[in-house]
Amino acid sequence: MSIISSIGGLQSSLLNRLPGAGRLDAPASPMLPRLDGPASPTGTTPASFSSVFEQMVSAVDAKQTEAQDITRQVLMGQNDQLHQSVIAMQEAGVAFQLMVEVRNKLVDSYQELMRMPV
C-alpha cells in the first residue's frame, strides 16, 4: 500500500463532513469536523467532538503502526525501499505532533474558560 494512496483514502472519506465540501474553493483538511448545526442537508447529524477526536487518535495510531510495519519489512530484508520507511516514520511523527498540539490548545482553552469570572 502506498503512503500517498492511504492519505488520499483518508481525505476522500472525511471530505464529505467538511463545511462547504461541495465547493471547489474549500480547503481540504481531514481533521476538521462539520459544524453546520443540528442536521446537515443529507439528513445526518454532524459528528460529535469526542468521535472526531477519537478518529484523529486512531488515524495517528494507524500511521504509526504502518510505519512500524514498513520499517520491520526493510530491516528483515523483505522490502528494499528504505525511502518509504523514512517517509512513513516522518508522517507518523508529524501526525503525532499535530495531535499533541491540538490537545495542548484544547487544554489551554479549557484553562482559559475556567479562569473567566462567572
PDB file of N, CA and C in Angstrom:
ATOM      1  N   MET A   1       0.851  -1.180   0.000  1.00  0.00           N
ATOM      2  CA  MET A   1       0.000   0.000   0.000  1.00  0.00           C
ATOM      3  C   MET A   1       0.889   1.233   0.000  1.00  0.00           C
ATOM      4  N   SER A   2       0.644   2.108  -0.875  1.00  0.00           N
ATOM      5  CA  SER A   2       1.424   3.330  -0.982  1.00  0.00           C
ATOM      6  C   SER A   2       0.992   4.330   0.080  1.00  0.00           C
ATOM      7  N   ILE A   3       1.940   5.080   0.593  1.00  0.00           N
ATOM      8  CA  ILE A   3       1.657   6.099   1.598  1.00  0.00           C
ATOM      9  C   ILE A   3       0.724   7.159   1.014  1.00  0.00           C
ATOM     10  N   ILE A   4       0.996   7.561  -0.220  1.00  0.00           N
ATOM     11  CA  ILE A   4       0.195   8.596  -0.854  1.00  0.00           C
ATOM     12  C   ILE A   4      -1.243   8.129  -1.043  1.00  0.00           C
ATOM     13  N   SER A   5      -1.440   6.874  -1.413  1.00  0.00           N
ATOM     14  CA  SER A   5      -2.804   6.387  -1.604  1.00  0.00           C
ATOM     15  C   SER A   5      -3.547   6.288  -0.275  1.00  0.00           C
ATOM     16  N   SER A   6      -2.846   5.997   0.821  1.00  0.00           N
ATOM     17  CA  SER A   6      -3.515   5.939   2.117  1.00  0.00           C
ATOM     18  C   SER A   6      -3.976   7.318   2.557  1.00  0.00           C
ATOM     19  N   ILE A   7      -3.206   8.349   2.240  1.00  0.00           N
ATOM     20  CA  ILE A   7      -3.611   9.708   2.577  1.00  0.00           C
ATOM     21  C   ILE A   7      -4.811  10.108   1.733  1.00  0.00           C
ATOM     22  N   GLY A   8      -4.792   9.767   0.461  1.00  0.00           N
ATOM     23  CA  GLY A   8      -5.913  10.083  -0.413  1.00  0.00           C
ATOM     24  C   GLY A   8      -7.190   9.410   0.044  1.00  0.00           C
ATOM     25  N   GLY A   9      -7.104   8.173   0.507  1.00  0.00           N
ATOM     26  CA  GLY A   9      -8.282   7.478   1.003  1.00  0.00           C
ATOM     27  C   GLY A   9      -8.823   8.109   2.265  1.00  0.00           C
ATOM     28  N   LEU A  10      -7.940   8.573   3.136  1.00  0.00           N
ATOM     29  CA  LEU A  10      -8.358   9.231   4.360  1.00  0.00           C
ATOM     30  C   LEU A  10      -9.065  10.535   4.044  1.00  0.00           C
ATOM     31  N   GLN A  11      -8.512  11.293   3.099  1.00  0.00           N
ATOM     32  CA  GLN A  11      -9.125  12.572   2.755  1.00  0.00           C
ATOM     33  C   GLN A  11     -10.484  12.381   2.102  1.00  0.00           C
ATOM     34  N   SER A  12     -10.597  11.436   1.191  1.00  0.00           N
ATOM     35  CA  SER A  12     -11.858  11.284   0.474  1.00  0.00           C
ATOM     36  C   SER A  12     -12.971  10.819   1.398  1.00  0.00           C
ATOM     37  N   SER A  13     -12.665  10.019   2.411  1.00  0.00           N
ATOM     38  CA  SER A  13     -13.719   9.549   3.302  1.00  0.00           C
ATOM     39  C   SER A  13     -14.177  10.623   4.269  1.00  0.00           C
ATOM     40  N   LEU A  14     -13.327  11.576   4.586  1.00  0.00           N
ATOM     41  CA  LEU A  14     -13.685  12.607   5.557  1.00  0.00           C
ATOM     42  C   LEU A  14     -14.087  13.934   4.919  1.00  0.00           C
ATOM     43  N   LEU A  15     -13.870  14.099   3.634  1.00  0.00           N
ATOM     44  CA  LEU A  15     -14.165  15.369   2.986  1.00  0.00           C
ATOM     45  C   LEU A  15     -15.647  15.707   2.983  1.00  0.00           C
ATOM     46  N   ASN A  16     -16.507  14.703   3.000  1.00  0.00           N
ATOM     47  CA  ASN A  16     -17.942  14.961   2.938  1.00  0.00           C
ATOM     48  C   ASN A  16     -18.451  15.651   4.192  1.00  0.00           C
ATOM     49  N   ARG A  17     -17.711  15.571   5.306  1.00  0.00           N
ATOM     50  CA  ARG A  17     -18.154  16.186   6.548  1.00  0.00           C
ATOM     51  C   ARG A  17     -17.644  17.605   6.724  1.00  0.00           C
ATOM     52  N   LEU A  18     -16.848  18.109   5.800  1.00  0.00           N
ATOM     53  CA  LEU A  18     -16.306  19.454   5.929  1.00  0.00           C
ATOM     54  C   LEU A  18     -17.316  20.498   5.496  1.00  0.00           C
ATOM     55  N   PRO A  19     -17.283  21.697   6.147  1.00  0.00           N
ATOM     56  CA  PRO A  19     -18.157  22.766   5.686  1.00  0.00           C
ATOM     57  C   PRO A  19     -17.799  23.148   4.255  1.00  0.00           C
ATOM     58  N   GLY A  20     -18.778  23.255   3.398  1.00  0.00           N
ATOM     59  CA  GLY A  20     -18.546  23.635   2.004  1.00  0.00           C
ATOM     60  C   GLY A  20     -17.858  22.556   1.212  1.00  0.00           C
ATOM     61  N   ALA A  21     -18.123  21.287   1.513  1.00  0.00           N
ATOM     62  CA  ALA A  21     -17.428  20.187   0.849  1.00  0.00           C
ATOM     63  C   ALA A  21     -17.722  20.140  -0.640  1.00  0.00           C
ATOM     64  N   GLY A  22     -18.862  20.668  -1.078  1.00  0.00           N
ATOM     65  CA  GLY A  22     -19.204  20.634  -2.483  1.00  0.00           C
ATOM     66  C   GLY A  22     -18.523  21.725  -3.295  1.00  0.00           C
ATOM     67  N   ARG A  23     -17.984  22.731  -2.628  1.00  0.00           N
ATOM     68  CA  ARG A  23     -17.353  23.838  -3.335  1.00  0.00           C
ATOM     69  C   ARG A  23     -15.929  23.474  -3.708  1.00  0.00           C
ATOM     70  N   LEU A  24     -15.488  23.986  -4.834  1.00  0.00           N
ATOM     71  CA  LEU A  24     -14.125  23.716  -5.279  1.00  0.00           C
ATOM     72  C   LEU A  24     -13.100  24.573  -4.551  1.00  0.00           C
ATOM     73  N   ASP A  25     -13.506  25.731  -4.034  1.00  0.00           N
ATOM     74  CA  ASP A  25     -12.550  26.613  -3.370  1.00  0.00           C
ATOM     75  C   ASP A  25     -12.387  26.307  -1.891  1.00  0.00           C
ATOM     76  N   ALA A  26     -13.092  25.310  -1.358  1.00  0.00           N
ATOM     77  CA  ALA A  26     -12.982  24.973   0.052  1.00  0.00           C
ATOM     78  C   ALA A  26     -11.664  24.254   0.311  1.00  0.00           C
ATOM     79  N   PRO A  27     -10.963  24.605   1.397  1.00  0.00           N
ATOM     80  CA  PRO A  27      -9.711  23.922   1.714  1.00  0.00           C
ATOM     81  C   PRO A  27      -9.984  22.487   2.153  1.00  0.00           C
ATOM     82  N   ALA A  28      -9.137  21.570   1.741  1.00  0.00           N
ATOM     83  CA  ALA A  28      -9.301  20.159   2.071  1.00  0.00           C
ATOM     84  C   ALA A  28      -8.486  19.833   3.305  1.00  0.00           C
ATOM     85  N   SER A  29      -9.148  19.681   4.447  1.00  0.00           N
ATOM     86  CA  SER A  29      -8.486  19.332   5.691  1.00  0.00           C
ATOM     87  C   SER A  29      -9.261  18.217   6.361  1.00  0.00           C
ATOM     88  N   PRO A  30      -8.692  17.010   6.463  1.00  0.00           N
ATOM     89  CA  PRO A  30      -9.435  15.892   7.035  1.00  0.00           C
ATOM     90  C   PRO A  30      -9.570  15.957   8.540  1.00  0.00           C
ATOM     91  N   MET A  31      -8.959  16.929   9.210  1.00  0.00           N
ATOM     92  CA  MET A  31      -9.013  16.998  10.661  1.00  0.00           C
ATOM     93  C   MET A  31     -10.163  17.864  11.176  1.00  0.00           C
ATOM     94  N   LEU A  32     -10.888  18.577  10.317  1.00  0.00           N
ATOM     95  CA  LEU A  32     -11.929  19.483  10.770  1.00  0.00           C
ATOM     96  C   LEU A  32     -13.287  18.805  10.762  1.00  0.00           C
ATOM     97  N   PRO A  33     -14.065  18.947  11.848  1.00  0.00           N
ATOM     98  CA  PRO A  33     -15.412  18.378  11.872  1.00  0.00           C
ATOM     99  C   PRO A  33     -16.385  19.284  11.143  1.00  0.00           C
ATOM    100  N   ARG A  34     -17.541  18.771  10.859  1.00  0.00           N
ATOM    101  CA  ARG A  34     -18.588  19.563  10.222  1.00  0.00           C
ATOM    102  C   ARG A  34     -19.336  20.332  11.307  1.00  0.00           C
ATOM    103  N   LEU A  35     -19.503  21.633  11.110  1.00  0.00           N
ATOM    104  CA  LEU A  35     -20.122  22.484  12.120  1.00  0.00           C
ATOM    105  C   LEU A  35     -21.359  23.182  11.557  1.00  0.00           C
ATOM    106  N   ASP A  36     -22.211  22.475  10.866  1.00  0.00           N
ATOM    107  CA  ASP A  36     -23.355  23.080  10.209  1.00  0.00           C
ATOM    108  C   ASP A  36     -24.555  23.281  11.126  1.00  0.00           C
ATOM    109  N   GLY A  37     -24.630  22.641  12.247  1.00  0.00           N
ATOM    110  CA  GLY A  37     -25.784  22.746  13.120  1.00  0.00           C
ATOM    111  C   GLY A  37     -26.318  21.368  13.448  1.00  0.00           C
ATOM    112  N   PRO A  38     -27.601  21.302  13.828  1.00  0.00           N
ATOM    113  CA  PRO A  38     -28.140  20.025  14.271  1.00  0.00           C
ATOM    114  C   PRO A  38     -28.240  18.963  13.193  1.00  0.00           C
ATOM    115  N   ALA A  39     -28.466  19.340  11.958  1.00  0.00           N
ATOM    116  CA  ALA A  39     -28.568  18.341  10.897  1.00  0.00           C
ATOM    117  C   ALA A  39     -28.002  18.918   9.616  1.00  0.00           C
ATOM    118  N   SER A  40     -27.354  18.085   8.846  1.00  0.00           N
ATOM    119  CA  SER A  40     -26.795  18.515   7.572  1.00  0.00           C
ATOM    120  C   SER A  40     -27.836  18.325   6.477  1.00  0.00           C
ATOM    121  N   PRO A  41     -27.587  18.851   5.269  1.00  0.00           N
ATOM    122  CA  PRO A  41     -28.566  18.696   4.179  1.00  0.00           C
ATOM    123  C   PRO A  41     -28.853  17.240   3.821  1.00  0.00           C
ATOM    124  N   THR A  42     -27.934  16.338   4.122  1.00  0.00           N
ATOM    125  CA  THR A  42     -28.161  14.931   3.787  1.00  0.00           C
ATOM    126  C   THR A  42     -29.013  14.226   4.827  1.00  0.00           C
ATOM    127  N   GLY A  43     -29.328  14.924   5.945  1.00  0.00           N
ATOM    128  CA  GLY A  43     -30.176  14.319   6.959  1.00  0.00           C
ATOM    129  C   GLY A  43     -29.411  13.638   8.073  1.00  0.00           C
ATOM    130  N   THR A  44     -28.092  13.628   8.014  1.00  0.00           N
ATOM    131  CA  THR A  44     -27.312  13.017   9.080  1.00  0.00           C
ATOM    132  C   THR A  44     -26.870  14.091  10.057  1.00  0.00           C
ATOM    133  N   THR A  45     -26.702  13.706  11.298  1.00  0.00           N
ATOM    134  CA  THR A  45     -26.231  14.659  12.299  1.00  0.00           C
ATOM    135  C   THR A  45     -24.712  14.758  12.215  1.00  0.00           C
ATOM    136  N   PRO A  46     -24.140  15.930  12.532  1.00  0.00           N
ATOM    137  CA  PRO A  46     -22.693  16.075  12.479  1.00  0.00           C
ATOM    138  C   PRO A  46     -22.037  15.244  13.581  1.00  0.00           C
ATOM    139  N   ALA A  47     -20.779  14.925  13.366  1.00  0.00           N
ATOM    140  CA  ALA A  47     -20.048  14.107  14.320  1.00  0.00           C
ATOM    141  C   ALA A  47     -19.803  14.891  15.601  1.00  0.00           C
ATOM    142  N   SER A  48     -19.850  14.210  16.722  1.00  0.00           N
ATOM    143  CA  SER A  48     -19.575  14.865  17.993  1.00  0.00           C
ATOM    144  C   SER A  48     -18.072  15.078  18.139  1.00  0.00           C
ATOM    145  N   PHE A  49     -17.722  15.951  19.061  1.00  0.00           N
ATOM    146  CA  PHE A  49     -16.316  16.265  19.259  1.00  0.00           C
ATOM    147  C   PHE A  49     -15.542  15.020  19.666  1.00  0.00           C
ATOM    148  N   SER A  50     -16.116  14.220  20.556  1.00  0.00           N
ATOM    149  CA  SER A  50     -15.395  13.030  21.025  1.00  0.00           C
ATOM    150  C   SER A  50     -15.148  12.047  19.892  1.00  0.00           C
ATOM    151  N   SER A  51     -16.107  11.903  18.976  1.00  0.00           N
ATOM    152  CA  SER A  51     -15.894  10.966  17.874  1.00  0.00           C
ATOM    153  C   SER A  51     -14.848  11.494  16.890  1.00  0.00           C
ATOM    154  N   VAL A  52     -14.829  12.821  16.675  1.00  0.00           N
ATOM    155  CA  VAL A  52     -13.814  13.404  15.795  1.00  0.00           C
ATOM    156  C   VAL A  52     -12.434  13.218  16.399  1.00  0.00           C
ATOM    157  N   PHE A  53     -12.313  13.476  17.696  1.00  0.00           N
ATOM    158  CA  PHE A  53     -11.021  13.317  18.358  1.00  0.00           C
ATOM    159  C   PHE A  53     -10.599  11.844  18.383  1.00  0.00           C
ATOM    160  N   GLU A  54     -11.558  10.948  18.585  1.00  0.00           N
ATOM    161  CA  GLU A  54     -11.261   9.518  18.571  1.00  0.00           C
ATOM    162  C   GLU A  54     -10.777   9.066  17.199  1.00  0.00           C
ATOM    163  N   GLN A  55     -11.385   9.591  16.141  1.00  0.00           N
ATOM    164  CA  GLN A  55     -10.943   9.258  14.784  1.00  0.00           C
ATOM    165  C   GLN A  55      -9.543   9.783  14.526  1.00  0.00           C
ATOM    166  N   MET A  56      -9.244  10.977  15.053  1.00  0.00           N
ATOM    167  CA  MET A  56      -7.912  11.538  14.863  1.00  0.00           C
ATOM    168  C   MET A  56      -6.859  10.676  15.572  1.00  0.00           C
ATOM    169  N   VAL A  57      -7.170  10.231  16.787  1.00  0.00           N
ATOM    170  CA  VAL A  57      -6.234   9.382  17.526  1.00  0.00           C
ATOM    171  C   VAL A  57      -6.045   8.048  16.817  1.00  0.00           C
ATOM    172  N   SER A  58      -7.124   7.466  16.315  1.00  0.00           N
ATOM    173  CA  SER A  58      -6.991   6.184  15.623  1.00  0.00           C
ATOM    174  C   SER A  58      -6.233   6.335  14.304  1.00  0.00           C
ATOM    175  N   ALA A  59      -6.388   7.483  13.630  1.00  0.00           N
ATOM    176  CA  ALA A  59      -5.628   7.719  12.392  1.00  0.00           C
ATOM    177  C   ALA A  59      -4.139   7.840  12.694  1.00  0.00           C
ATOM    178  N   VAL A  60      -3.794   8.512  13.791  1.00  0.00           N
ATOM    179  CA  VAL A  60      -2.386   8.626  14.187  1.00  0.00           C
ATOM    180  C   VAL A  60      -1.837   7.254  14.540  1.00  0.00           C
ATOM    181  N   ASP A  61      -2.615   6.466  15.265  1.00  0.00           N
ATOM    182  CA  ASP A  61      -2.180   5.121  15.629  1.00  0.00           C
ATOM    183  C   ASP A  61      -1.980   4.258  14.387  1.00  0.00           C
ATOM    184  N   ALA A  62      -2.867   4.380  13.413  1.00  0.00           N
ATOM    185  CA  ALA A  62      -2.739   3.599  12.172  1.00  0.00           C
ATOM    186  C   ALA A  62      -1.476   3.995  11.415  1.00  0.00           C
ATOM    187  N   LYS A  63      -1.172   5.293  11.386  1.00  0.00           N
ATOM    188  CA  LYS A  63       0.053   5.746  10.710  1.00  0.00           C
ATOM    189  C   LYS A  63       1.292   5.205  11.416  1.00  0.00           C
ATOM    190  N   GLN A  64       1.287   5.202  12.747  1.00  0.00           N
ATOM    191  CA  GLN A  64       2.435   4.678  13.483  1.00  0.00           C
ATOM    192  C   GLN A  64       2.593   3.177  13.275  1.00  0.00           C
ATOM    193  N   THR A  65       1.486   2.463  13.260  1.00  0.00           N
ATOM    194  CA  THR A  65       1.540   1.017  13.023  1.00  0.00           C
ATOM    195  C   THR A  65       2.043   0.716  11.618  1.00  0.00           C
ATOM    196  N   GLU A  66       1.568   1.482  10.637  1.00  0.00           N
ATOM    197  CA  GLU A  66       2.016   1.288   9.261  1.00  0.00           C
ATOM    198  C   GLU A  66       3.516   1.579   9.129  1.00  0.00           C
ATOM    199  N   ALA A  67       3.978   2.627   9.790  1.00  0.00           N
ATOM    200  CA  ALA A  67       5.403   2.969   9.742  1.00  0.00           C
ATOM    201  C   ALA A  67       6.241   1.859  10.370  1.00  0.00           C
ATOM    202  N   GLN A  68       5.767   1.300  11.478  1.00  0.00           N
ATOM    203  CA  GLN A  68       6.490   0.198  12.117  1.00  0.00           C
ATOM    204  C   GLN A  68       6.538  -1.027  11.211  1.00  0.00           C
ATOM    205  N   ASP A  69       5.434  -1.329  10.553  1.00  0.00           N
ATOM    206  CA  ASP A  69       5.399  -2.490   9.652  1.00  0.00           C
ATOM    207  C   ASP A  69       6.359  -2.319   8.473  1.00  0.00           C
ATOM    208  N   ILE A  70       6.355  -1.129   7.866  1.00  0.00           N
ATOM    209  CA  ILE A  70       7.244  -0.890   6.733  1.00  0.00           C
ATOM    210  C   ILE A  70       8.701  -0.942   7.176  1.00  0.00           C
ATOM    211  N   THR A  71       9.000  -0.368   8.334  1.00  0.00           N
ATOM    212  CA  THR A  71      10.372  -0.389   8.846  1.00  0.00           C
ATOM    213  C   THR A  71      10.811  -1.821   9.159  1.00  0.00           C
ATOM    214  N   ARG A  72       9.911  -2.604   9.737  1.00  0.00           N
ATOM    215  CA  ARG A  72      10.231  -4.001  10.042  1.00  0.00           C
ATOM    216  C   ARG A  72      10.522  -4.780   8.759  1.00  0.00           C
ATOM    217  N   GLN A  73       9.734  -4.530   7.701  1.00  0.00           N
ATOM    218  CA  GLN A  73       9.965  -5.203   6.432  1.00  0.00           C
ATOM    219  C   GLN A  73      11.325  -4.838   5.852  1.00  0.00           C
ATOM    220  N   VAL A  74      11.717  -3.578   5.968  1.00  0.00           N
ATOM    221  CA  VAL A  74      13.024  -3.147   5.454  1.00  0.00           C
ATOM    222  C   VAL A  74      14.141  -3.799   6.256  1.00  0.00           C
ATOM    223  N   LEU A  75      13.991  -3.827   7.573  1.00  0.00           N
ATOM    224  CA  LEU A  75      15.034  -4.410   8.421  1.00  0.00           C
ATOM    225  C   LEU A  75      15.175  -5.911   8.241  1.00  0.00           C
ATOM    226  N   MET A  76      14.085  -6.598   7.908  1.00  0.00           N
ATOM    227  CA  MET A  76      14.132  -8.047   7.722  1.00  0.00           C
ATOM    228  C   MET A  76      14.511  -8.421   6.291  1.00  0.00           C
ATOM    229  N   GLY A  77      14.662  -7.429   5.406  1.00  0.00           N
ATOM    230  CA  GLY A  77      15.061  -7.703   4.039  1.00  0.00           C
ATOM    231  C   GLY A  77      13.924  -8.062   3.115  1.00  0.00           C
ATOM    232  N   GLN A  78      12.692  -7.929   3.574  1.00  0.00           N
ATOM    233  CA  GLN A  78      11.542  -8.258   2.733  1.00  0.00           C
ATOM    234  C   GLN A  78      11.211  -7.133   1.761  1.00  0.00           C
ATOM    235  N   ASN A  79      11.705  -5.937   2.042  1.00  0.00           N
ATOM    236  CA  ASN A  79      11.422  -4.775   1.213  1.00  0.00           C
ATOM    237  C   ASN A  79      12.707  -3.957   1.128  1.00  0.00           C
ATOM    238  N   ASP A  80      13.054  -3.493  -0.046  1.00  0.00           N
ATOM    239  CA  ASP A  80      14.300  -2.735  -0.188  1.00  0.00           C
ATOM    240  C   ASP A  80      14.059  -1.240  -0.378  1.00  0.00           C
ATOM    241  N   GLN A  81      12.872  -0.766  -0.055  1.00  0.00           N
ATOM    242  CA  GLN A  81      12.541   0.635  -0.269  1.00  0.00           C
ATOM    243  C   GLN A  81      12.658   1.395   1.055  1.00  0.00           C
ATOM    244  N   LEU A  82      13.881   1.746   1.369  1.00  0.00           N
ATOM    245  CA  LEU A  82      14.177   2.450   2.610  1.00  0.00           C
ATOM    246  C   LEU A  82      13.494   3.815   2.653  1.00  0.00           C
ATOM    247  N   HIS A  83      13.391   4.454   1.507  1.00  0.00           N
ATOM    248  CA  HIS A  83      12.770   5.781   1.482  1.00  0.00           C
ATOM    249  C   HIS A  83      11.309   5.735   1.929  1.00  0.00           C
ATOM    250  N   GLN A  84      10.586   4.663   1.613  1.00  0.00           N
ATOM    251  CA  GLN A  84       9.199   4.545   2.071  1.00  0.00           C
ATOM    252  C   GLN A  84       9.148   4.434   3.590  1.00  0.00           C
ATOM    253  N   SER A  85      10.099   3.740   4.158  1.00  0.00           N
ATOM    254  CA  SER A  85      10.159   3.604   5.608  1.00  0.00           C
ATOM    255  C   SER A  85      10.398   4.956   6.272  1.00  0.00           C
ATOM    256  N   VAL A  86      11.332   5.724   5.738  1.00  0.00           N
ATOM    257  CA  VAL A  86      11.645   7.033   6.306  1.00  0.00           C
ATOM    258  C   VAL A  86      10.459   7.978   6.159  1.00  0.00           C
ATOM    259  N   ILE A  87       9.809   7.963   4.999  1.00  0.00           N
ATOM    260  CA  ILE A  87       8.643   8.822   4.773  1.00  0.00           C
ATOM    261  C   ILE A  87       7.513   8.443   5.727  1.00  0.00           C
ATOM    262  N   ALA A  88       7.268   7.155   5.892  1.00  0.00           N
ATOM    263  CA  ALA A  88       6.200   6.700   6.787  1.00  0.00           C
ATOM    264  C   ALA A  88       6.494   7.094   8.233  1.00  0.00           C
ATOM    265  N   MET A  89       7.752   6.993   8.644  1.00  0.00           N
ATOM    266  CA  MET A  89       8.110   7.395  10.009  1.00  0.00           C
ATOM    267  C   MET A  89       7.928   8.895  10.199  1.00  0.00           C
ATOM    268  N   GLN A  90       8.303   9.690   9.203  1.00  0.00           N
ATOM    269  CA  GLN A  90       8.136  11.135   9.304  1.00  0.00           C
ATOM    270  C   GLN A  90       6.653  11.523   9.324  1.00  0.00           C
ATOM    271  N   GLU A  91       5.840  10.875   8.502  1.00  0.00           N
ATOM    272  CA  GLU A  91       4.404  11.150   8.502  1.00  0.00           C
ATOM    273  C   GLU A  91       3.793  10.827   9.860  1.00  0.00           C
ATOM    274  N   ALA A  92       4.176   9.696  10.434  1.00  0.00           N
ATOM    275  CA  ALA A  92       3.650   9.316  11.743  1.00  0.00           C
ATOM    276  C   ALA A  92       4.087  10.320  12.806  1.00  0.00           C
ATOM    277  N   GLY A  93       5.325  10.780  12.724  1.00  0.00           N
ATOM    278  CA  GLY A  93       5.818  11.764  13.685  1.00  0.00           C
ATOM    279  C   GLY A  93       5.096  13.095  13.576  1.00  0.00           C
ATOM    280  N   VAL A  94       4.860  13.549  12.356  1.00  0.00           N
ATOM    281  CA  VAL A  94       4.153  14.820  12.149  1.00  0.00           C
ATOM    282  C   VAL A  94       2.697  14.695  12.606  1.00  0.00           C
ATOM    283  N   ALA A  95       2.062  13.573  12.313  1.00  0.00           N
ATOM    284  CA  ALA A  95       0.674  13.364  12.740  1.00  0.00           C
ATOM    285  C   ALA A  95       0.585  13.357  14.267  1.00  0.00           C
ATOM    286  N   PHE A  96       1.557  12.732  14.931  1.00  0.00           N
ATOM    287  CA  PHE A  96       1.560  12.704  16.392  1.00  0.00           C
ATOM    288  C   PHE A  96       1.782  14.102  16.960  1.00  0.00           C
ATOM    289  N   GLN A  97       2.704  14.864  16.372  1.00  0.00           N
ATOM    290  CA  GLN A  97       2.945  16.233  16.835  1.00  0.00           C
ATOM    291  C   GLN A  97       1.696  17.095  16.669  1.00  0.00           C
ATOM    292  N   LEU A  98       0.987  16.931  15.549  1.00  0.00           N
ATOM    293  CA  LEU A  98      -0.254  17.670  15.334  1.00  0.00           C
ATOM    294  C   LEU A  98      -1.280  17.321  16.404  1.00  0.00           C
ATOM    295  N   MET A  99      -1.417  16.038  16.707  1.00  0.00           N
ATOM    296  CA  MET A  99      -2.374  15.616  17.722  1.00  0.00           C
ATOM    297  C   MET A  99      -2.017  16.202  19.083  1.00  0.00           C
ATOM    298  N   VAL A 100      -0.740  16.219  19.429  1.00  0.00           N
ATOM    299  CA  VAL A 100      -0.310  16.781  20.711  1.00  0.00           C
ATOM    300  C   VAL A 100      -0.593  18.280  20.757  1.00  0.00           C
ATOM    301  N   GLU A 101      -0.357  18.981  19.662  1.00  0.00           N
ATOM    302  CA  GLU A 101      -0.622  20.425  19.634  1.00  0.00           C
ATOM    303  C   GLU A 101      -2.118  20.718  19.751  1.00  0.00           C
ATOM    304  N   VAL A 102      -2.955  19.908  19.115  1.00  0.00           N
ATOM    305  CA  VAL A 102      -4.401  20.078  19.247  1.00  0.00           C
ATOM    306  C   VAL A 102      -4.810  19.862  20.695  1.00  0.00           C
ATOM    307  N   ARG A 103      -4.267  18.831  21.315  1.00  0.00           N
ATOM    308  CA  ARG A 103      -4.564  18.580  22.731  1.00  0.00           C
ATOM    309  C   ARG A 103      -4.115  19.742  23.598  1.00  0.00           C
ATOM    310  N   ASN A 104      -2.923  20.286  23.349  1.00  0.00           N
ATOM    311  CA  ASN A 104      -2.418  21.410  24.134  1.00  0.00           C
ATOM    312  C   ASN A 104      -3.323  22.632  23.995  1.00  0.00           C
ATOM    313  N   LYS A 105      -3.782  22.899  22.777  1.00  0.00           N
ATOM    314  CA  LYS A 105      -4.693  24.033  22.566  1.00  0.00           C
ATOM    315  C   LYS A 105      -6.022  23.820  23.287  1.00  0.00           C
ATOM    316  N   LEU A 106      -6.513  22.586  23.286  1.00  0.00           N
ATOM    317  CA  LEU A 106      -7.759  22.296  23.998  1.00  0.00           C
ATOM    318  C   LEU A 106      -7.602  22.494  25.499  1.00  0.00           C
ATOM    319  N   VAL A 107      -6.486  22.049  26.043  1.00  0.00           N
ATOM    320  CA  VAL A 107      -6.228  22.231  27.474  1.00  0.00           C
ATOM    321  C   VAL A 107      -6.094  23.715  27.803  1.00  0.00           C
ATOM    322  N   ASP A 108      -5.397  24.462  26.959  1.00  0.00           N
ATOM    323  CA  ASP A 108      -5.267  25.911  27.169  1.00  0.00           C
ATOM    324  C   ASP A 108      -6.634  26.588  27.121  1.00  0.00           C
ATOM    325  N   SER A 109      -7.466  26.184  26.176  1.00  0.00           N
ATOM    326  CA  SER A 109      -8.807  26.764  26.067  1.00  0.00           C
ATOM    327  C   SER A 109      -9.638  26.460  27.301  1.00  0.00           C
ATOM    328  N   TYR A 110      -9.569  25.244  27.770  1.00  0.00           N
ATOM    329  CA  TYR A 110     -10.308  24.854  28.970  1.00  0.00           C
ATOM    330  C   TYR A 110      -9.831  25.661  30.174  1.00  0.00           C
ATOM    331  N   GLN A 111      -8.514  25.809  30.325  1.00  0.00           N
ATOM    332  CA  GLN A 111      -7.985  26.580  31.444  1.00  0.00           C
ATOM    333  C   GLN A 111      -8.402  28.038  31.361  1.00  0.00           C
ATOM    334  N   GLU A 112      -8.445  28.578  30.156  1.00  0.00           N
ATOM    335  CA  GLU A 112      -8.884  29.967  29.979  1.00  0.00           C
ATOM    336  C   GLU A 112     -10.357  30.113  30.357  1.00  0.00           C
ATOM    337  N   LEU A 113     -11.174  29.146  29.989  1.00  0.00           N
ATOM    338  CA  LEU A 113     -12.591  29.193  30.373  1.00  0.00           C
ATOM    339  C   LEU A 113     -12.751  29.109  31.893  1.00  0.00           C
ATOM    340  N   MET A 114     -11.938  28.320  32.547  1.00  0.00           N
ATOM    341  CA  MET A 114     -12.028  28.186  33.999  1.00  0.00           C
ATOM    342  C   MET A 114     -11.578  29.459  34.716  1.00  0.00           C
ATOM    343  N   ARG A 115     -10.728  30.252  34.088  1.00  0.00           N
ATOM    344  CA  ARG A 115     -10.267  31.497  34.701  1.00  0.00           C
ATOM    345  C   ARG A 115     -11.253  32.651  34.524  1.00  0.00           C
ATOM    346  N   MET A 116     -12.240  32.469  33.655  1.00  0.00           N
ATOM    347  CA  MET A 116     -13.221  33.542  33.427  1.00  0.00           C
ATOM    348  C   MET A 116     -14.102  33.723  34.646  1.00  0.00           C
ATOM    349  N   PRO A 117     -14.369  34.990  35.017  1.00  0.00           N
ATOM    350  CA  PRO A 117     -15.274  35.203  36.146  1.00  0.00           C
ATOM    351  C   PRO A 117     -16.709  34.875  35.768  1.00  0.00           C
ATOM    352  N   VAL A 118     -17.438  34.382  36.719  1.00  0.00           N
ATOM    353  CA  VAL A 118     -18.826  33.987  36.466  1.00  0.00           C
ATOM    354  C   VAL A 118     -19.773  35.118  36.754  1.00  0.00           C
TER     355      VAL A 118
END
